[in-house]
Amino acid sequence: MTYKLRQSALFCLAFVSAACLITGCASSGAAYQPVVDGPKGPAYQADLQDCQQLAETRQYDNADVRTSATVGAGIGGLIGAVDGGVGEAAAGAVIGGLFGGGGEALETREERKEIVKNCMVGRGHNVVG
């Protein structure tokens, strides 16, 4: 594979990865509606909205995401440099950063769901999932 073709393929992969990350985060974990066993009392909707707003305080641009993106970029850059020089190092850094940060952003989404669940349990709702 020629250098230009390989570099184009890597940038294409980075673009697709970024698009997947953006669309994956668009449906935020803070919008999660837990499964509740039994009837939903009169306070359920107000409690759910409050808990969802609380979950939104866990930002996607947090220290964990930034750290994982930085580590991913470093590892990707090293692999790219070993594989083919400066151009490959840059492409590897971009791809590594996207995958590192993207993986941690998915963790943040799950954390937001857990915040909603725990908040609802704390308000007396019988959350089962």
Protein backbone atom coordinates (compact mmCIF):
# COMPACT_ATOMS: atom_id res chain seq x y z
CA MET A 1 0.00 0.00 0.00
CA THR A 2 1.45 3.36 -0.93
CA TYR A 3 2.10 6.00 1.69
CA LYS A 4 -0.62 8.41 0.42
CA LEU A 5 -3.20 5.66 0.14
CA ARG A 6 -2.45 4.37 3.65
CA GLN A 7 -2.58 7.90 5.09
CA SER A 8 -5.93 8.55 3.38
CA ALA A 9 -7.32 5.30 4.77
CA LEU A 10 -6.22 6.24 8.28
CA PHE A 11 -7.79 9.68 8.09
CA CYS A 12 -10.99 8.14 6.71
CA LEU A 13 -11.06 5.75 9.68
CA ALA A 14 -10.52 8.68 12.05
CA PHE A 15 -13.41 10.58 10.48
CA VAL A 16 -15.76 7.60 10.75
CA SER A 17 -14.70 7.05 14.36
CA ALA A 18 -15.40 10.69 15.22
CA ALA A 19 -18.83 10.47 13.61
CA CYS A 20 -19.65 7.34 15.60
CA LEU A 21 -18.50 9.01 18.81
CA ILE A 22 -20.61 12.11 18.17
CA THR A 23 -23.77 10.15 17.33
CA GLY A 24 -23.19 7.78 20.27
CA CYS A 25 -23.05 10.67 22.71
CA ALA A 26 -26.07 12.36 21.19
CA SER A 27 -28.35 10.00 23.10
CA SER A 28 -27.07 10.91 26.50
CA GLY A 29 -27.19 8.50 29.41
CA ALA A 30 -28.80 11.30 31.40
CA ALA A 31 -32.03 10.79 29.42
CA TYR A 32 -32.26 7.24 30.75
CA GLN A 33 -35.63 6.15 32.13
CA PRO A 34 -35.17 3.31 34.61
CA VAL A 35 -37.47 0.32 34.93
CA VAL A 36 -39.49 0.61 38.12
CA ASP A 37 -41.23 -2.31 39.83
CA GLY A 38 -44.72 -1.38 40.92
CA PRO A 39 -46.83 1.70 40.38
CA LYS A 40 -45.27 5.05 39.61
CA GLY A 41 -46.40 7.50 42.25
CA PRO A 42 -47.34 11.13 41.69
CA ALA A 43 -43.77 12.33 42.33
CA TYR A 44 -42.22 9.97 39.76
CA GLN A 45 -42.01 12.39 36.81
CA ALA A 46 -40.67 15.28 38.91
CA ASP A 47 -38.12 12.97 40.55
CA LEU A 48 -37.09 11.56 37.17
CA GLN A 49 -36.53 15.02 35.72
CA ASP A 50 -34.50 16.08 38.77
CA CYS A 51 -32.38 12.91 38.60
CA GLN A 52 -31.80 13.33 34.86
CA GLN A 53 -30.67 16.91 35.42
CA LEU A 54 -28.32 15.69 38.15
CA ALA A 55 -26.86 13.11 35.75
CA GLU A 56 -26.18 15.84 33.18
CA THR A 57 -23.72 17.42 35.60
CA ARG A 58 -21.36 14.52 34.77
CA GLN A 59 -19.89 16.17 31.67
CA TYR A 60 -18.53 14.25 28.68
CA ASP A 61 -15.57 16.62 28.62
CA ASN A 62 -14.19 15.41 31.94
CA ALA A 63 -10.69 14.64 33.15
CA ASP A 64 -11.07 10.90 32.52
CA VAL A 65 -12.01 11.44 28.86
CA ARG A 66 -9.18 13.92 28.33
CA THR A 67 -6.64 11.59 29.95
CA SER A 68 -7.75 8.58 27.89
CA ALA A 69 -7.67 10.65 24.70
CA THR A 70 -4.15 11.86 25.51
CA VAL A 71 -2.88 8.36 26.30
CA GLY A 72 -4.56 6.99 23.15
CA ALA A 73 -3.00 9.74 21.05
CA GLY A 74 0.43 9.01 22.50
CA ILE A 75 0.19 5.29 21.88
CA GLY A 76 -1.29 5.79 18.41
CA GLY A 77 1.43 8.30 17.56
CA LEU A 78 4.17 5.90 18.65
CA ILE A 79 2.70 3.04 16.66
CA GLY A 80 2.32 5.28 13.62
CA ALA A 81 5.90 6.53 13.92
CA VAL A 82 7.26 3.00 14.09
CA ASP A 83 5.11 2.00 11.14
CA GLY A 84 5.94 4.82 8.77
CA GLY A 85 7.25 8.16 9.95
CA VAL A 86 5.80 11.59 10.67
CA GLY A 87 2.62 11.32 8.58
CA GLU A 88 1.76 7.95 10.05
CA ALA A 89 2.54 9.22 13.54
CA ALA A 90 0.07 12.09 13.13
CA ALA A 91 -2.63 9.80 11.78
CA GLY A 92 -1.97 7.30 14.57
CA ALA A 93 -2.21 10.04 17.17
CA VAL A 94 -5.57 11.21 15.81
CA ILE A 95 -6.99 7.71 15.66
CA GLY A 96 -5.60 6.76 19.07
CA GLY A 97 -7.00 9.92 20.62
CA LEU A 98 -10.43 9.27 19.14
CA PHE A 99 -10.53 5.70 20.34
CA GLY A 100 -9.14 6.51 23.79
CA GLY A 101 -11.44 9.45 24.37
CA GLY A 102 -14.40 7.73 22.72
CA GLY A 103 -14.14 4.68 24.92
CA GLU A 104 -14.05 6.80 28.03
CA ALA A 105 -16.99 8.90 26.77
CA LEU A 106 -19.03 5.69 26.52
CA GLU A 107 -18.10 4.99 30.15
CA THR A 108 -19.38 8.46 31.04
CA ARG A 109 -22.67 7.61 29.35
CA GLU A 110 -23.01 4.52 31.55
CA GLU A 111 -22.09 6.57 34.64
CA ARG A 112 -24.91 8.96 33.82
CA LYS A 113 -27.38 6.06 33.70
CA GLU A 114 -26.15 4.89 37.09
CA ILE A 115 -26.59 8.39 38.50
CA VAL A 116 -30.24 8.37 37.36
CA LYS A 117 -30.82 4.91 38.86
CA ASN A 118 -29.17 5.69 42.19
CA CYS A 119 -30.93 9.03 42.46
CA MET A 120 -34.32 7.44 41.85
CA VAL A 121 -33.62 4.72 44.43
CA GLY A 122 -32.59 7.43 46.88
CA ARG A 123 -35.95 9.10 46.33
CA GLY A 124 -37.80 5.93 47.21
CA HIS A 125 -38.55 4.42 43.79
CA ASN A 126 -38.16 0.64 43.38
CA VAL A 127 -35.72 0.67 40.44
CA VAL A 128 -34.93 -2.75 39.01
CA GLY A 129 -33.02 -1.77 35.89
